Amino acid sequence: MPRALVVYAHPCEESFNAALHRETVAALTRGGWEVDDCDLYAEGFDPVLTAQERRDYHDTAINTAPVQGYVDRLRAADAVVFVFPVWNFGYPAILKGFFDRVFLPGVSFDLKDGTLTGSLDNIRKLAAVTTYGSTKWRAFLIGDPPRKLITRAVWGVTKFAKVKYLALNDMNNVTEARRKAFLAKVGKEMERF
């Protein structure tokens, strides 16, 4: 059975993002995936890269030690699905810290003679399920960094994984009907992921 690592980053269990997270996990399970549900807040993930971790960053013999459990989970996955809100046109700090501390040299990429090569060969599918407070147009004008980071940077360290980016914009004005429709869309897309 293929394994999907779901990385969830929202602190409030009553949030719409929490509903998206629950539906993502349920739909993947219905679709035949074994789900490793990584709720960063519930697990108490520390997003802070320490001074020593930064000093050891390029030493692939020891750089994974502080986050070995998360590295093992990433390496065991066939797919990764990130569920998060976009805040201030970026990731929540806890998710940014996950990338800083877990997507390390020797884990997600190799660096030789100044050339970066992706090394997440095990990841064949990649997805993001997210919400934005801003409109799609405003996100576009800003350059939509979260979308680019998932569909370009994270994708770039896999071996050409299939990518799906599901976003609901304008959360400050979205209707209940649009939220329900998006939730249903996420369920449908993740079930056939």
N, C-alpha and C. Protein backbone atom coordinates (compact mmCIF):
# COMPACT_ATOMS: atom_id res chain seq x y z
N MET A 1 0.84 -1.18 0.00
CA MET A 1 0.00 0.00 0.00
C MET A 1 0.89 1.25 0.00
N PRO A 2 0.64 2.19 -0.90
CA PRO A 2 1.46 3.40 -0.94
C PRO A 2 1.21 4.27 0.31
N ARG A 3 2.24 5.00 0.72
CA ARG A 3 2.15 5.81 1.93
C ARG A 3 2.20 7.30 1.58
N ALA A 4 1.24 8.04 2.16
CA ALA A 4 1.20 9.49 2.00
C ALA A 4 1.51 10.15 3.33
N LEU A 5 2.47 11.04 3.33
CA LEU A 5 2.77 11.86 4.50
C LEU A 5 1.96 13.14 4.37
N VAL A 6 1.05 13.37 5.31
CA VAL A 6 0.27 14.61 5.34
C VAL A 6 0.90 15.51 6.39
N VAL A 7 1.39 16.67 5.96
CA VAL A 7 2.01 17.63 6.87
C VAL A 7 1.02 18.77 7.06
N TYR A 8 0.48 18.87 8.27
CA TYR A 8 -0.58 19.83 8.58
C TYR A 8 -0.04 20.92 9.49
N ALA A 9 -0.38 22.19 9.16
CA ALA A 9 0.15 23.32 9.92
C ALA A 9 -0.93 24.36 10.19
N HIS A 10 -1.72 24.14 11.22
CA HIS A 10 -2.68 25.15 11.70
C HIS A 10 -2.93 24.87 13.17
N PRO A 11 -2.93 25.91 14.02
CA PRO A 11 -3.05 25.68 15.46
C PRO A 11 -4.47 25.47 15.98
N CYS A 12 -5.50 25.80 15.21
CA CYS A 12 -6.87 25.80 15.74
C CYS A 12 -7.70 24.64 15.19
N GLU A 13 -8.18 23.79 16.08
CA GLU A 13 -8.95 22.62 15.65
C GLU A 13 -10.33 22.96 15.11
N GLU A 14 -10.82 24.18 15.38
CA GLU A 14 -12.13 24.59 14.88
C GLU A 14 -12.04 25.32 13.54
N SER A 15 -10.86 25.47 13.00
CA SER A 15 -10.66 26.23 11.77
C SER A 15 -11.12 25.46 10.53
N PHE A 16 -11.32 26.21 9.46
CA PHE A 16 -11.64 25.57 8.18
C PHE A 16 -10.46 24.73 7.71
N ASN A 17 -9.23 25.17 8.00
CA ASN A 17 -8.06 24.37 7.65
C ASN A 17 -8.09 23.02 8.36
N ALA A 18 -8.60 22.98 9.59
CA ALA A 18 -8.72 21.70 10.30
C ALA A 18 -9.70 20.79 9.57
N ALA A 19 -10.80 21.36 9.07
CA ALA A 19 -11.76 20.57 8.29
C ALA A 19 -11.10 20.06 7.01
N LEU A 20 -10.30 20.89 6.36
CA LEU A 20 -9.58 20.46 5.15
C LEU A 20 -8.61 19.34 5.48
N HIS A 21 -7.94 19.45 6.60
CA HIS A 21 -6.99 18.42 7.04
C HIS A 21 -7.72 17.10 7.27
N ARG A 22 -8.83 17.13 8.00
CA ARG A 22 -9.59 15.91 8.27
C ARG A 22 -10.06 15.27 6.96
N GLU A 23 -10.58 16.09 6.04
CA GLU A 23 -11.07 15.56 4.76
C GLU A 23 -9.92 15.01 3.91
N THR A 24 -8.78 15.66 3.94
CA THR A 24 -7.62 15.18 3.19
C THR A 24 -7.21 13.79 3.67
N VAL A 25 -7.08 13.63 4.98
CA VAL A 25 -6.69 12.33 5.55
C VAL A 25 -7.74 11.27 5.22
N ALA A 26 -9.03 11.60 5.41
CA ALA A 26 -10.11 10.64 5.14
C ALA A 26 -10.15 10.24 3.66
N ALA A 27 -10.02 11.22 2.78
CA ALA A 27 -10.10 10.94 1.34
C ALA A 27 -8.91 10.12 0.86
N LEU A 28 -7.73 10.43 1.34
CA LEU A 28 -6.56 9.63 0.97
C LEU A 28 -6.74 8.19 1.43
N THR A 29 -7.25 8.02 2.63
CA THR A 29 -7.49 6.67 3.16
C THR A 29 -8.52 5.94 2.30
N ARG A 30 -9.60 6.62 1.94
CA ARG A 30 -10.61 6.01 1.05
C ARG A 30 -9.99 5.63 -0.29
N GLY A 31 -9.01 6.41 -0.73
CA GLY A 31 -8.36 6.17 -2.02
C GLY A 31 -7.29 5.09 -1.99
N GLY A 32 -7.09 4.47 -0.84
CA GLY A 32 -6.15 3.36 -0.76
C GLY A 32 -4.76 3.70 -0.26
N TRP A 33 -4.59 4.90 0.28
CA TRP A 33 -3.29 5.30 0.82
C TRP A 33 -3.19 4.94 2.30
N GLU A 34 -2.01 4.53 2.71
CA GLU A 34 -1.69 4.47 4.13
C GLU A 34 -1.24 5.89 4.48
N VAL A 35 -1.89 6.52 5.46
CA VAL A 35 -1.61 7.92 5.75
C VAL A 35 -0.79 8.05 7.03
N ASP A 36 0.32 8.76 6.93
CA ASP A 36 1.11 9.17 8.08
C ASP A 36 0.73 10.63 8.32
N ASP A 37 -0.09 10.87 9.32
CA ASP A 37 -0.65 12.19 9.60
C ASP A 37 0.26 12.95 10.55
N CYS A 38 0.97 13.94 10.01
CA CYS A 38 1.93 14.73 10.77
C CYS A 38 1.33 16.11 11.07
N ASP A 39 0.71 16.25 12.23
CA ASP A 39 0.12 17.51 12.68
C ASP A 39 1.21 18.24 13.47
N LEU A 40 1.85 19.20 12.83
CA LEU A 40 3.02 19.85 13.42
C LEU A 40 2.73 20.50 14.77
N TYR A 41 1.58 21.15 14.90
CA TYR A 41 1.24 21.78 16.19
C TYR A 41 0.97 20.71 17.25
N ALA A 42 0.16 19.71 16.93
CA ALA A 42 -0.18 18.67 17.90
C ALA A 42 1.06 17.89 18.35
N GLU A 43 2.01 17.73 17.44
CA GLU A 43 3.23 17.00 17.77
C GLU A 43 4.26 17.87 18.48
N GLY A 44 3.99 19.17 18.58
CA GLY A 44 4.93 20.07 19.25
C GLY A 44 6.21 20.27 18.47
N PHE A 45 6.12 20.24 17.14
CA PHE A 45 7.32 20.43 16.32
C PHE A 45 7.94 21.79 16.61
N ASP A 46 9.24 21.81 16.84
CA ASP A 46 9.97 23.06 17.09
C ASP A 46 10.51 23.57 15.76
N PRO A 47 10.01 24.71 15.27
CA PRO A 47 10.44 25.20 13.97
C PRO A 47 11.78 25.93 13.96
N VAL A 48 12.36 26.13 15.13
CA VAL A 48 13.56 26.96 15.23
C VAL A 48 14.82 26.16 14.89
N LEU A 49 15.49 26.60 13.86
CA LEU A 49 16.78 26.04 13.49
C LEU A 49 17.82 26.62 14.46
N THR A 50 18.45 25.78 15.27
CA THR A 50 19.40 26.28 16.27
C THR A 50 20.73 26.66 15.61
N ALA A 51 21.54 27.36 16.36
CA ALA A 51 22.87 27.73 15.85
C ALA A 51 23.68 26.48 15.52
N GLN A 52 23.61 25.46 16.38
CA GLN A 52 24.37 24.24 16.13
C GLN A 52 23.85 23.50 14.90
N GLU A 53 22.53 23.48 14.73
CA GLU A 53 21.97 22.84 13.53
C GLU A 53 22.45 23.55 12.27
N ARG A 54 22.53 24.87 12.33
CA ARG A 54 23.02 25.61 11.16
C ARG A 54 24.48 25.30 10.89
N ARG A 55 25.28 25.18 11.96
CA ARG A 55 26.69 24.85 11.79
C ARG A 55 26.86 23.44 11.20
N ASP A 56 25.96 22.53 11.56
CA ASP A 56 26.03 21.14 11.10
C ASP A 56 25.25 20.90 9.81
N TYR A 57 24.63 21.94 9.27
CA TYR A 57 23.70 21.83 8.15
C TYR A 57 24.25 21.01 6.98
N HIS A 58 25.47 21.25 6.57
CA HIS A 58 26.05 20.57 5.40
C HIS A 58 26.77 19.27 5.73
N ASP A 59 26.83 18.92 7.00
CA ASP A 59 27.48 17.68 7.41
C ASP A 59 26.44 16.56 7.42
N THR A 60 26.34 15.84 6.31
CA THR A 60 25.28 14.86 6.15
C THR A 60 25.44 13.64 7.07
N ALA A 61 26.56 13.54 7.75
CA ALA A 61 26.73 12.44 8.71
C ALA A 61 25.97 12.72 10.01
N ILE A 62 25.72 14.00 10.31
CA ILE A 62 25.08 14.32 11.60
C ILE A 62 23.91 15.30 11.50
N ASN A 63 23.66 15.89 10.34
CA ASN A 63 22.67 16.98 10.26
C ASN A 63 21.24 16.54 10.54
N THR A 64 20.94 15.27 10.38
CA THR A 64 19.56 14.81 10.59
C THR A 64 19.25 14.44 12.04
N ALA A 65 20.25 14.33 12.88
CA ALA A 65 20.05 13.84 14.25
C ALA A 65 18.92 14.55 15.01
N PRO A 66 18.84 15.89 15.00
CA PRO A 66 17.79 16.55 15.79
C PRO A 66 16.37 16.30 15.29
N VAL A 67 16.22 15.90 14.03
CA VAL A 67 14.89 15.70 13.43
C VAL A 67 14.78 14.33 12.76
N GLN A 68 15.52 13.36 13.25
CA GLN A 68 15.61 12.06 12.59
C GLN A 68 14.24 11.42 12.37
N GLY A 69 13.34 11.52 13.33
CA GLY A 69 12.02 10.93 13.17
C GLY A 69 11.26 11.51 11.99
N TYR A 70 11.35 12.82 11.80
CA TYR A 70 10.67 13.47 10.67
C TYR A 70 11.35 13.11 9.35
N VAL A 71 12.65 13.02 9.36
CA VAL A 71 13.39 12.61 8.16
C VAL A 71 12.98 11.20 7.76
N ASP A 72 12.88 10.30 8.74
CA ASP A 72 12.49 8.92 8.46
C ASP A 72 11.09 8.86 7.85
N ARG A 73 10.18 9.68 8.38
CA ARG A 73 8.81 9.71 7.86
C ARG A 73 8.79 10.22 6.42
N LEU A 74 9.58 11.24 6.12
CA LEU A 74 9.65 11.78 4.77
C LEU A 74 10.23 10.75 3.80
N ARG A 75 11.25 10.06 4.24
CA ARG A 75 11.89 9.04 3.38
C ARG A 75 11.00 7.82 3.17
N ALA A 76 10.08 7.56 4.08
CA ALA A 76 9.20 6.40 3.97
C ALA A 76 7.97 6.68 3.10
N ALA A 77 7.77 7.93 2.72
CA ALA A 77 6.56 8.33 1.99
C ALA A 77 6.74 8.18 0.48
N ASP A 78 5.61 7.88 -0.17
CA ASP A 78 5.54 7.87 -1.63
C ASP A 78 4.95 9.18 -2.14
N ALA A 79 4.25 9.88 -1.25
CA ALA A 79 3.62 11.16 -1.58
C ALA A 79 3.66 12.06 -0.36
N VAL A 80 3.65 13.37 -0.59
CA VAL A 80 3.55 14.33 0.50
C VAL A 80 2.43 15.31 0.16
N VAL A 81 1.57 15.54 1.15
CA VAL A 81 0.48 16.50 1.01
C VAL A 81 0.60 17.50 2.15
N PHE A 82 0.75 18.77 1.79
CA PHE A 82 0.85 19.84 2.78
C PHE A 82 -0.52 20.50 2.91
N VAL A 83 -1.01 20.64 4.13
CA VAL A 83 -2.28 21.31 4.40
C VAL A 83 -1.97 22.48 5.32
N PHE A 84 -2.24 23.71 4.85
CA PHE A 84 -1.82 24.90 5.60
C PHE A 84 -2.57 26.13 5.11
N PRO A 85 -2.66 27.15 5.95
CA PRO A 85 -3.17 28.44 5.49
C PRO A 85 -2.01 29.29 4.98
N VAL A 86 -2.30 30.20 4.08
CA VAL A 86 -1.31 31.18 3.67
C VAL A 86 -1.53 32.43 4.54
N TRP A 87 -0.51 32.79 5.28
CA TRP A 87 -0.56 33.96 6.15
C TRP A 87 0.49 34.95 5.68
N ASN A 88 0.10 36.17 5.44
CA ASN A 88 1.04 37.21 4.99
C ASN A 88 1.84 36.75 3.78
N PHE A 89 1.14 36.07 2.86
CA PHE A 89 1.72 35.58 1.61
C PHE A 89 2.86 34.59 1.82
N GLY A 90 2.79 33.86 2.93
CA GLY A 90 3.79 32.84 3.20
C GLY A 90 3.22 31.71 4.03
N TYR A 91 4.09 30.78 4.39
CA TYR A 91 3.69 29.65 5.22
C TYR A 91 3.59 30.08 6.67
N PRO A 92 2.80 29.38 7.48
CA PRO A 92 2.91 29.56 8.93
C PRO A 92 4.35 29.24 9.34
N ALA A 93 4.85 29.91 10.35
CA ALA A 93 6.24 29.75 10.78
C ALA A 93 6.60 28.29 11.06
N ILE A 94 5.66 27.53 11.62
CA ILE A 94 5.95 26.14 11.95
C ILE A 94 6.23 25.31 10.69
N LEU A 95 5.54 25.62 9.59
CA LEU A 95 5.80 24.90 8.34
C LEU A 95 7.10 25.36 7.70
N LYS A 96 7.38 26.63 7.74
CA LYS A 96 8.67 27.13 7.23
C LYS A 96 9.81 26.47 8.00
N GLY A 97 9.64 26.35 9.30
CA GLY A 97 10.65 25.68 10.12
C GLY A 97 10.80 24.21 9.77
N PHE A 98 9.70 23.56 9.39
CA PHE A 98 9.77 22.17 8.95
C PHE A 98 10.66 22.06 7.71
N PHE A 99 10.46 22.95 6.76
CA PHE A 99 11.31 22.94 5.57
C PHE A 99 12.77 23.22 5.95
N ASP A 100 13.01 24.20 6.80
CA ASP A 100 14.37 24.56 7.20
C ASP A 100 15.08 23.42 7.92
N ARG A 101 14.36 22.71 8.78
CA ARG A 101 14.99 21.71 9.64
C ARG A 101 14.97 20.29 9.07
N VAL A 102 14.02 19.97 8.18
CA VAL A 102 13.88 18.59 7.70
C VAL A 102 14.34 18.43 6.25
N PHE A 103 14.13 19.42 5.41
CA PHE A 103 14.56 19.34 4.01
C PHE A 103 16.03 19.72 3.93
N LEU A 104 16.87 18.83 4.39
CA LEU A 104 18.31 19.06 4.58
C LEU A 104 19.15 18.50 3.44
N PRO A 105 20.40 18.96 3.34
CA PRO A 105 21.33 18.30 2.43
C PRO A 105 21.44 16.82 2.82
N GLY A 106 21.40 15.96 1.83
CA GLY A 106 21.45 14.53 2.08
C GLY A 106 20.07 13.94 2.32
N VAL A 107 19.06 14.80 2.51
CA VAL A 107 17.69 14.32 2.69
C VAL A 107 16.87 14.69 1.45
N SER A 108 16.71 15.99 1.23
CA SER A 108 15.90 16.41 0.09
C SER A 108 16.76 16.81 -1.11
N PHE A 109 18.02 17.08 -0.87
CA PHE A 109 18.90 17.44 -1.99
C PHE A 109 20.34 17.11 -1.65
N ASP A 110 21.13 17.00 -2.70
CA ASP A 110 22.57 16.83 -2.57
C ASP A 110 23.22 18.04 -3.22
N LEU A 111 24.32 18.49 -2.65
CA LEU A 111 25.03 19.65 -3.18
C LEU A 111 26.47 19.24 -3.44
N LYS A 112 26.83 19.17 -4.72
CA LYS A 112 28.18 18.78 -5.10
C LYS A 112 28.73 19.78 -6.10
N ASP A 113 29.88 20.33 -5.78
CA ASP A 113 30.55 21.30 -6.66
C ASP A 113 29.61 22.45 -7.04
N GLY A 114 28.80 22.89 -6.09
CA GLY A 114 27.90 24.02 -6.32
C GLY A 114 26.63 23.67 -7.08
N THR A 115 26.43 22.39 -7.39
CA THR A 115 25.24 21.98 -8.13
C THR A 115 24.29 21.23 -7.20
N LEU A 116 23.05 21.68 -7.18
CA LEU A 116 22.03 21.05 -6.36
C LEU A 116 21.28 20.01 -7.16
N THR A 117 21.14 18.82 -6.58
CA THR A 117 20.39 17.73 -7.20
C THR A 117 19.36 17.24 -6.20
N GLY A 118 18.11 17.17 -6.62
CA GLY A 118 17.06 16.67 -5.75
C GLY A 118 17.30 15.21 -5.41
N SER A 119 16.98 14.85 -4.16
CA SER A 119 17.22 13.46 -3.76
C SER A 119 16.01 12.80 -3.12
N LEU A 120 14.84 13.41 -3.24
CA LEU A 120 13.63 12.76 -2.74
C LEU A 120 13.03 11.88 -3.85
N ASP A 121 13.82 10.88 -4.25
CA ASP A 121 13.41 9.98 -5.33
C ASP A 121 12.16 9.19 -4.98
N ASN A 122 11.89 9.03 -3.71
CA ASN A 122 10.74 8.24 -3.27
C ASN A 122 9.41 8.97 -3.46
N ILE A 123 9.43 10.29 -3.56
CA ILE A 123 8.20 11.07 -3.68
C ILE A 123 7.76 11.12 -5.13
N ARG A 124 6.62 10.48 -5.42
CA ARG A 124 6.11 10.48 -6.78
C ARG A 124 4.89 11.36 -6.96
N LYS A 125 4.29 11.79 -5.82
CA LYS A 125 3.15 12.70 -5.87
C LYS A 125 3.31 13.74 -4.78
N LEU A 126 2.90 14.97 -5.11
CA LEU A 126 3.05 16.10 -4.21
C LEU A 126 1.80 16.96 -4.32
N ALA A 127 1.29 17.40 -3.18
CA ALA A 127 0.10 18.25 -3.22
C ALA A 127 0.12 19.26 -2.09
N ALA A 128 -0.64 20.33 -2.31
CA ALA A 128 -0.89 21.32 -1.26
C ALA A 128 -2.39 21.59 -1.25
N VAL A 129 -2.93 21.70 -0.04
CA VAL A 129 -4.31 22.09 0.18
C VAL A 129 -4.23 23.31 1.08
N THR A 130 -4.69 24.45 0.57
CA THR A 130 -4.45 25.68 1.29
C THR A 130 -5.57 26.71 1.13
N THR A 131 -5.51 27.72 1.97
CA THR A 131 -6.45 28.83 1.91
C THR A 131 -5.66 30.14 1.97
N TYR A 132 -6.21 31.15 1.32
CA TYR A 132 -5.62 32.49 1.30
C TYR A 132 -6.65 33.50 1.79
N GLY A 133 -6.24 34.46 2.57
CA GLY A 133 -7.12 35.57 2.92
C GLY A 133 -7.32 36.49 1.73
N SER A 134 -6.32 36.55 0.88
CA SER A 134 -6.36 37.48 -0.25
C SER A 134 -7.07 36.87 -1.45
N THR A 135 -7.38 37.73 -2.40
CA THR A 135 -7.94 37.28 -3.66
C THR A 135 -6.85 36.61 -4.49
N LYS A 136 -7.26 35.86 -5.49
CA LYS A 136 -6.30 35.22 -6.39
C LYS A 136 -5.48 36.28 -7.13
N TRP A 137 -6.13 37.37 -7.52
CA TRP A 137 -5.46 38.44 -8.24
C TRP A 137 -4.36 39.08 -7.39
N ARG A 138 -4.68 39.35 -6.12
CA ARG A 138 -3.68 39.98 -5.24
C ARG A 138 -2.51 39.02 -5.00
N ALA A 139 -2.81 37.74 -4.80
CA ALA A 139 -1.74 36.75 -4.62
C ALA A 139 -0.85 36.71 -5.87
N PHE A 140 -1.47 36.79 -7.05
CA PHE A 140 -0.72 36.81 -8.30
C PHE A 140 0.20 38.03 -8.36
N LEU A 141 -0.31 39.21 -7.98
CA LEU A 141 0.50 40.43 -8.01
C LEU A 141 1.70 40.35 -7.08
N ILE A 142 1.54 39.67 -5.96
CA ILE A 142 2.64 39.52 -5.00
C ILE A 142 3.65 38.47 -5.48
N GLY A 143 3.22 37.63 -6.42
CA GLY A 143 4.09 36.58 -6.93
C GLY A 143 3.73 35.19 -6.41
N ASP A 144 2.77 35.12 -5.51
CA ASP A 144 2.26 33.86 -4.95
C ASP A 144 3.39 32.94 -4.50
N PRO A 145 4.22 33.39 -3.54
CA PRO A 145 5.35 32.57 -3.09
C PRO A 145 4.99 31.17 -2.61
N PRO A 146 3.90 30.97 -1.84
CA PRO A 146 3.63 29.60 -1.39
C PRO A 146 3.41 28.63 -2.56
N ARG A 147 2.67 29.07 -3.57
CA ARG A 147 2.42 28.22 -4.74
C ARG A 147 3.74 27.90 -5.45
N LYS A 148 4.57 28.90 -5.65
CA LYS A 148 5.84 28.69 -6.35
C LYS A 148 6.76 27.76 -5.56
N LEU A 149 6.78 27.92 -4.24
CA LEU A 149 7.66 27.07 -3.44
C LEU A 149 7.23 25.60 -3.50
N ILE A 150 5.93 25.34 -3.50
CA ILE A 150 5.47 23.95 -3.61
C ILE A 150 5.69 23.42 -5.02
N THR A 151 5.23 24.18 -6.02
CA THR A 151 5.22 23.67 -7.40
C THR A 151 6.57 23.79 -8.10
N ARG A 152 7.50 24.51 -7.52
CA ARG A 152 8.82 24.63 -8.13
C ARG A 152 9.93 24.12 -7.21
N ALA A 153 10.08 24.74 -6.03
CA ALA A 153 11.19 24.38 -5.15
C ALA A 153 11.03 22.98 -4.55
N VAL A 154 9.89 22.71 -3.93
CA VAL A 154 9.69 21.38 -3.34
C VAL A 154 9.62 20.34 -4.46
N TRP A 155 8.87 20.63 -5.51
CA TRP A 155 8.79 19.72 -6.65
C TRP A 155 10.19 19.45 -7.21
N GLY A 156 11.03 20.46 -7.21
CA GLY A 156 12.36 20.35 -7.80
C GLY A 156 13.29 19.39 -7.09
N VAL A 157 13.00 19.02 -5.84
CA VAL A 157 13.85 18.06 -5.14
C VAL A 157 13.29 16.64 -5.21
N THR A 158 12.18 16.48 -5.95
CA THR A 158 11.64 15.15 -6.21
C THR A 158 12.09 14.73 -7.61
N LYS A 159 11.73 13.55 -8.00
CA LYS A 159 12.03 13.12 -9.37
C LYS A 159 10.78 13.30 -10.21
N PHE A 160 10.44 14.56 -10.47
CA PHE A 160 9.31 14.93 -11.33
C PHE A 160 7.98 14.39 -10.82
N ALA A 161 7.74 14.58 -9.53
CA ALA A 161 6.48 14.15 -8.92
C ALA A 161 5.31 14.88 -9.59
N LYS A 162 4.17 14.20 -9.67
CA LYS A 162 2.94 14.84 -10.13
C LYS A 162 2.51 15.81 -9.02
N VAL A 163 2.16 17.03 -9.41
CA VAL A 163 1.84 18.07 -8.43
C VAL A 163 0.39 18.52 -8.56
N LYS A 164 -0.24 18.71 -7.41
CA LYS A 164 -1.60 19.25 -7.35
C LYS A 164 -1.59 20.37 -6.31
N TYR A 165 -2.08 21.54 -6.68
CA TYR A 165 -2.15 22.68 -5.77
C TYR A 165 -3.60 23.14 -5.70
N LEU A 166 -4.24 22.89 -4.56
CA LEU A 166 -5.64 23.23 -4.37
C LEU A 166 -5.74 24.40 -3.40
N ALA A 167 -6.24 25.52 -3.88
CA ALA A 167 -6.29 26.73 -3.05
C ALA A 167 -7.66 27.37 -3.10
N LEU A 168 -8.11 27.82 -1.94
CA LEU A 168 -9.33 28.61 -1.83
C LEU A 168 -8.92 30.02 -1.44
N ASN A 169 -9.16 30.96 -2.33
CA ASN A 169 -8.77 32.35 -2.09
C ASN A 169 -9.91 33.15 -1.47
N ASP A 170 -9.54 34.32 -0.94
CA ASP A 170 -10.48 35.31 -0.42
C ASP A 170 -11.30 34.78 0.76
N MET A 171 -10.63 34.08 1.68
CA MET A 171 -11.30 33.50 2.84
C MET A 171 -12.04 34.55 3.67
N ASN A 172 -11.63 35.80 3.61
CA ASN A 172 -12.30 36.85 4.39
C ASN A 172 -13.70 37.13 3.87
N ASN A 173 -13.98 36.74 2.64
CA ASN A 173 -15.28 37.01 2.02
C ASN A 173 -15.99 35.78 1.47
N VAL A 174 -15.40 34.62 1.59
CA VAL A 174 -15.95 33.43 0.98
C VAL A 174 -17.25 33.00 1.69
N THR A 175 -18.18 32.50 0.93
CA THR A 175 -19.47 32.08 1.47
C THR A 175 -19.38 30.64 1.99
N GLU A 176 -20.35 30.27 2.80
CA GLU A 176 -20.42 28.89 3.29
C GLU A 176 -20.55 27.91 2.13
N ALA A 177 -21.29 28.29 1.12
CA ALA A 177 -21.46 27.42 -0.06
C ALA A 177 -20.12 27.18 -0.76
N ARG A 178 -19.30 28.23 -0.89
CA ARG A 178 -17.98 28.06 -1.52
C ARG A 178 -17.05 27.21 -0.67
N ARG A 179 -17.13 27.37 0.66
CA ARG A 179 -16.31 26.53 1.54
C ARG A 179 -16.71 25.06 1.39
N LYS A 180 -18.01 24.79 1.38
CA LYS A 180 -18.48 23.41 1.23
C LYS A 180 -18.06 22.84 -0.13
N ALA A 181 -18.15 23.65 -1.17
CA ALA A 181 -17.76 23.18 -2.51
C ALA A 181 -16.26 22.89 -2.55
N PHE A 182 -15.46 23.73 -1.93
CA PHE A 182 -14.02 23.50 -1.92
C PHE A 182 -13.68 22.25 -1.11
N LEU A 183 -14.33 22.07 0.02
CA LEU A 183 -14.11 20.89 0.84
C LEU A 183 -14.44 19.62 0.05
N ALA A 184 -15.53 19.67 -0.70
CA ALA A 184 -15.91 18.52 -1.54
C ALA A 184 -14.87 18.29 -2.65
N LYS A 185 -14.38 19.38 -3.23
CA LYS A 185 -13.36 19.26 -4.28
C LYS A 185 -12.10 18.61 -3.72
N VAL A 186 -11.68 19.05 -2.54
CA VAL A 186 -10.50 18.47 -1.90
C VAL A 186 -10.71 16.98 -1.68
N GLY A 187 -11.89 16.60 -1.17
CA GLY A 187 -12.18 15.19 -0.96
C GLY A 187 -12.09 14.38 -2.24
N LYS A 188 -12.66 14.90 -3.29
CA LYS A 188 -12.65 14.22 -4.59
C LYS A 188 -11.23 14.09 -5.14
N GLU A 189 -10.47 15.19 -5.10
CA GLU A 189 -9.10 15.18 -5.64
C GLU A 189 -8.17 14.26 -4.83
N MET A 190 -8.30 14.28 -3.51
CA MET A 190 -7.44 13.46 -2.67
C MET A 190 -7.82 11.97 -2.73
N GLU A 191 -9.09 11.69 -2.95
CA GLU A 191 -9.50 10.29 -3.05
C GLU A 191 -8.93 9.65 -4.31
N ARG A 192 -8.79 10.42 -5.38
CA ARG A 192 -8.23 9.84 -6.61
C ARG A 192 -6.76 10.25 -6.82
N PHE A 193 -6.12 10.76 -5.80
CA PHE A 193 -4.74 11.26 -5.85
C PHE A 193 -3.77 10.19 -6.24
